[in-house]
C-alpha cells in the first residue's frame, strides 16, 4: 500500500513540476529568488521535450507501481486523469513543438514580469 501511495505522490509531484516549469516565472513578481529555481526547471523541461527523453520521475513512479503490484495506470482518479496529462503518447514533431512552446511561453511570462516590476 505504501508503494502505491508513493507512486501517486510522485505523479502529483511530476504534475506540479510541469505546472511550475510552464508558469513559475509569475512567482518572480513575488520574489526574484524564484528565478533561481524556475530557470533550471524551464531548461530541464526544454531538454526533456527537445530530445524526447523520459523524465526520471516517470521511471521512479513506474518502479513504485511495480513494487505495489500495479501495472500501468489502471484504476483510481489520479491514475486515470493526471497520468494522461503527463504521459502523452506524442510523436517527435510534437516534442519539438512543446519544447519551443515552453520557451516561448516563458519568454512571454518573463516579459510580463519585467514590465510589471519596472512599473512598480
C-alpha atoms as a PDB file:
ATOM      1  CA  UNK A   1       0.000   0.000   0.000  1.00  0.00           C
ATOM      2  CA  UNK A   2       2.824   2.407   0.807  1.00  0.00           C
ATOM      3  CA  UNK A   3       4.314   1.925  -2.669  1.00  0.00           C
ATOM      4  CA  UNK A   4       1.035   2.854  -4.322  1.00  0.00           C
ATOM      5  CA  UNK A   5       0.814   5.970  -2.156  1.00  0.00           C
ATOM      6  CA  UNK A   6       4.417   6.907  -3.017  1.00  0.00           C
ATOM      7  CA  UNK A   7       3.740   6.339  -6.734  1.00  0.00           C
ATOM      8  CA  UNK A   8       0.734   8.681  -6.536  1.00  0.00           C
ATOM      9  CA  UNK A   9       2.884  11.234  -4.674  1.00  0.00           C
ATOM     10  CA  UNK A  10       5.486  11.078  -7.447  1.00  0.00           C
ATOM     11  CA  UNK A  11       2.758  11.517 -10.067  1.00  0.00           C
ATOM     12  CA  UNK A  12       1.382  14.582  -8.284  1.00  0.00           C
ATOM     13  CA  UNK A  13       4.901  15.990  -7.834  1.00  0.00           C
ATOM     14  CA  UNK A  14       5.505  15.460 -11.547  1.00  0.00           C
ATOM     15  CA  UNK A  15       2.349  17.385 -12.419  1.00  0.00           C
ATOM     16  CA  UNK A  16       3.289  20.217 -10.043  1.00  0.00           C
ATOM     17  CA  UNK A  17       6.756  20.402 -11.627  1.00  0.00           C
ATOM     18  CA  UNK A  18       5.230  20.666 -15.106  1.00  0.00           C
ATOM     19  CA  UNK A  19       2.951  23.494 -13.981  1.00  0.00           C
ATOM     20  CA  UNK A  20       5.899  25.206 -12.282  1.00  0.00           C
ATOM     21  CA  UNK A  21       8.068  24.894 -15.406  1.00  0.00           C
ATOM     22  CA  UNK A  22       5.296  26.397 -17.519  1.00  0.00           C
ATOM     23  CA  UNK A  23       4.073  29.203 -15.251  1.00  0.00           C
ATOM     24  CA  UNK A  24       6.558  29.518 -12.380  1.00  0.00           C
ATOM     25  CA  UNK A  25       8.026  32.684 -13.867  1.00  0.00           C
ATOM     26  CA  UNK A  26       4.995  34.515 -12.490  1.00  0.00           C
ATOM     27  CA  UNK A  27       6.325  33.810  -8.983  1.00  0.00           C
ATOM     28  CA  UNK A  28       9.236  36.136  -9.736  1.00  0.00           C
ATOM     29  CA  UNK A  29       6.793  39.018  -9.197  1.00  0.00           C
ATOM     30  CA  UNK A  30       6.638  37.914  -5.528  1.00  0.00           C
ATOM     31  CA  UNK A  31      10.369  37.311  -5.128  1.00  0.00           C
ATOM     32  CA  UNK A  32      13.297  37.446  -7.534  1.00  0.00           C
ATOM     33  CA  UNK A  33      14.700  34.365  -5.775  1.00  0.00           C
ATOM     34  CA  UNK A  34      12.205  32.145  -7.615  1.00  0.00           C
ATOM     35  CA  UNK A  35      14.188  32.718 -10.810  1.00  0.00           C
ATOM     36  CA  UNK A  36      16.982  30.511  -9.411  1.00  0.00           C
ATOM     37  CA  UNK A  37      14.570  27.578  -9.249  1.00  0.00           C
ATOM     38  CA  UNK A  38      12.445  28.369 -12.257  1.00  0.00           C
ATOM     39  CA  UNK A  39      15.082  28.860 -14.965  1.00  0.00           C
ATOM     40  CA  UNK A  40      16.633  25.398 -14.341  1.00  0.00           C
ATOM     41  CA  UNK A  41      13.113  23.900 -14.422  1.00  0.00           C
ATOM     42  CA  UNK A  42      12.461  25.523 -17.810  1.00  0.00           C
ATOM     43  CA  UNK A  43      15.807  24.308 -19.138  1.00  0.00           C
ATOM     44  CA  UNK A  44      15.045  20.773 -17.944  1.00  0.00           C
ATOM     45  CA  UNK A  45      11.551  20.848 -19.457  1.00  0.00           C
ATOM     46  CA  UNK A  46      13.009  22.070 -22.768  1.00  0.00           C
ATOM     47  CA  UNK A  47      15.703  19.367 -22.827  1.00  0.00           C
ATOM     48  CA  UNK A  48      13.272  16.567 -21.965  1.00  0.00           C
ATOM     49  CA  UNK A  49      10.892  17.634 -24.754  1.00  0.00           C
ATOM     50  CA  UNK A  50      13.515  18.528 -27.380  1.00  0.00           C
ATOM     51  CA  UNK A  51      15.268  15.175 -27.039  1.00  0.00           C
ATOM     52  CA  UNK A  52      12.021  13.230 -26.355  1.00  0.00           C
ATOM     53  CA  UNK A  53      13.543  11.906 -23.135  1.00  0.00           C
ATOM     54  CA  UNK A  54      11.704  10.115 -20.380  1.00  0.00           C
ATOM     55  CA  UNK A  55      11.875  12.032 -17.133  1.00  0.00           C
ATOM     56  CA  UNK A  56      13.452  10.151 -14.211  1.00  0.00           C
ATOM     57  CA  UNK A  57      10.260  10.771 -12.233  1.00  0.00           C
ATOM     58  CA  UNK A  58       8.480   8.508 -14.701  1.00  0.00           C
ATOM     59  CA  UNK A  59      10.904   5.681 -14.003  1.00  0.00           C
ATOM     60  CA  UNK A  60      10.556   6.224 -10.261  1.00  0.00           C
ATOM     61  CA  UNK A  61       6.783   6.158 -10.456  1.00  0.00           C
ATOM     62  CA  UNK A  62       6.733   3.000 -12.575  1.00  0.00           C
ATOM     63  CA  UNK A  63       9.161   1.288 -10.183  1.00  0.00           C
ATOM     64  CA  UNK A  64       6.938   2.182  -7.236  1.00  0.00           C
ATOM     65  CA  UNK A  65       3.842   0.966  -9.089  1.00  0.00           C
ATOM     66  CA  UNK A  66       5.585  -2.330  -9.833  1.00  0.00           C
ATOM     67  CA  UNK A  67       6.554  -2.647  -6.171  1.00  0.00           C
ATOM     68  CA  UNK A  68       2.898  -2.014  -5.290  1.00  0.00           C
ATOM     69  CA  UNK A  69       1.853  -4.862  -7.577  1.00  0.00           C
ATOM     70  CA  UNK A  70       0.282  -2.487 -10.108  1.00  0.00           C
ATOM     71  CA  UNK A  71       0.877  -2.185 -13.806  1.00  0.00           C
ATOM     72  CA  UNK A  72       0.295   0.867 -15.940  1.00  0.00           C
ATOM     73  CA  UNK A  73      -2.346   3.369 -14.969  1.00  0.00           C
ATOM     74  CA  UNK A  74      -5.490   1.376 -14.425  1.00  0.00           C
ATOM     75  CA  UNK A  75      -7.864   2.408 -11.692  1.00  0.00           C
ATOM     76  CA  UNK A  76      -8.089   5.402  -9.429  1.00  0.00           C
ATOM     77  CA  UNK A  77      -8.801   9.059 -10.113  1.00  0.00           C
ATOM     78  CA  UNK A  78      -5.170  10.156 -10.068  1.00  0.00           C
ATOM     79  CA  UNK A  79      -4.084   7.342 -12.350  1.00  0.00           C
ATOM     80  CA  UNK A  80      -6.857   7.908 -14.843  1.00  0.00           C
ATOM     81  CA  UNK A  81      -6.813  11.719 -15.119  1.00  0.00           C
ATOM     82  CA  UNK A  82      -3.436  13.082 -14.021  1.00  0.00           C
ATOM     83  CA  UNK A  83      -1.306  10.472 -15.766  1.00  0.00           C
ATOM     84  CA  UNK A  84      -2.998  11.158 -19.103  1.00  0.00           C
ATOM     85  CA  UNK A  85      -1.985  14.820 -18.767  1.00  0.00           C
ATOM     86  CA  UNK A  86       1.643  13.988 -18.051  1.00  0.00           C
ATOM     87  CA  UNK A  87       2.398  10.877 -20.105  1.00  0.00           C
ATOM     88  CA  UNK A  88       1.162  11.820 -23.544  1.00  0.00           C
ATOM     89  CA  UNK A  89       1.839   9.478 -26.436  1.00  0.00           C
ATOM     90  CA  UNK A  90       3.074  12.005 -28.989  1.00  0.00           C
ATOM     91  CA  UNK A  91       5.379  11.947 -31.991  1.00  0.00           C
ATOM     92  CA  UNK A  92       8.801  13.571 -32.402  1.00  0.00           C
ATOM     93  CA  UNK A  93       7.486  16.723 -34.103  1.00  0.00           C
ATOM     94  CA  UNK A  94       5.115  17.345 -31.186  1.00  0.00           C
ATOM     95  CA  UNK A  95       8.040  17.075 -28.747  1.00  0.00           C
ATOM     96  CA  UNK A  96       9.847  19.817 -30.688  1.00  0.00           C
ATOM     97  CA  UNK A  97       6.666  21.903 -30.692  1.00  0.00           C
ATOM     98  CA  UNK A  98       6.320  21.507 -26.905  1.00  0.00           C
ATOM     99  CA  UNK A  99       9.996  22.342 -26.335  1.00  0.00           C
ATOM    100  CA  UNK A 100       9.698  25.557 -28.330  1.00  0.00           C
ATOM    101  CA  UNK A 101       6.335  26.249 -26.721  1.00  0.00           C
ATOM    102  CA  UNK A 102       7.743  26.091 -23.186  1.00  0.00           C
ATOM    103  CA  UNK A 103      10.469  28.552 -24.185  1.00  0.00           C
ATOM    104  CA  UNK A 104       8.098  30.975 -25.880  1.00  0.00           C
ATOM    105  CA  UNK A 105       5.592  30.804 -23.034  1.00  0.00           C
ATOM    106  CA  UNK A 106       8.312  31.598 -20.515  1.00  0.00           C
ATOM    107  CA  UNK A 107       9.768  34.401 -22.623  1.00  0.00           C
ATOM    108  CA  UNK A 108       6.301  35.950 -22.660  1.00  0.00           C
ATOM    109  CA  UNK A 109       5.908  35.454 -18.907  1.00  0.00           C
ATOM    110  CA  UNK A 110       9.304  36.986 -18.147  1.00  0.00           C
ATOM    111  CA  UNK A 111       8.497  39.882 -20.478  1.00  0.00           C
ATOM    112  CA  UNK A 112       5.308  40.439 -18.487  1.00  0.00           C
ATOM    113  CA  UNK A 113       7.221  40.139 -15.200  1.00  0.00           C
ATOM    114  CA  UNK A 114       9.839  42.689 -16.313  1.00  0.00           C
ATOM    115  CA  UNK A 115       7.144  45.188 -17.321  1.00  0.00           C
ATOM    116  CA  UNK A 116       5.307  44.596 -14.034  1.00  0.00           C
ATOM    117  CA  UNK A 117       8.457  45.010 -11.920  1.00  0.00           C
ATOM    118  CA  UNK A 118       9.571  48.147 -13.788  1.00  0.00           C
ATOM    119  CA  UNK A 119       6.187  49.806 -13.221  1.00  0.00           C
ATOM    120  CA  UNK A 120       6.466  49.496  -9.538  1.00  0.00           C
END
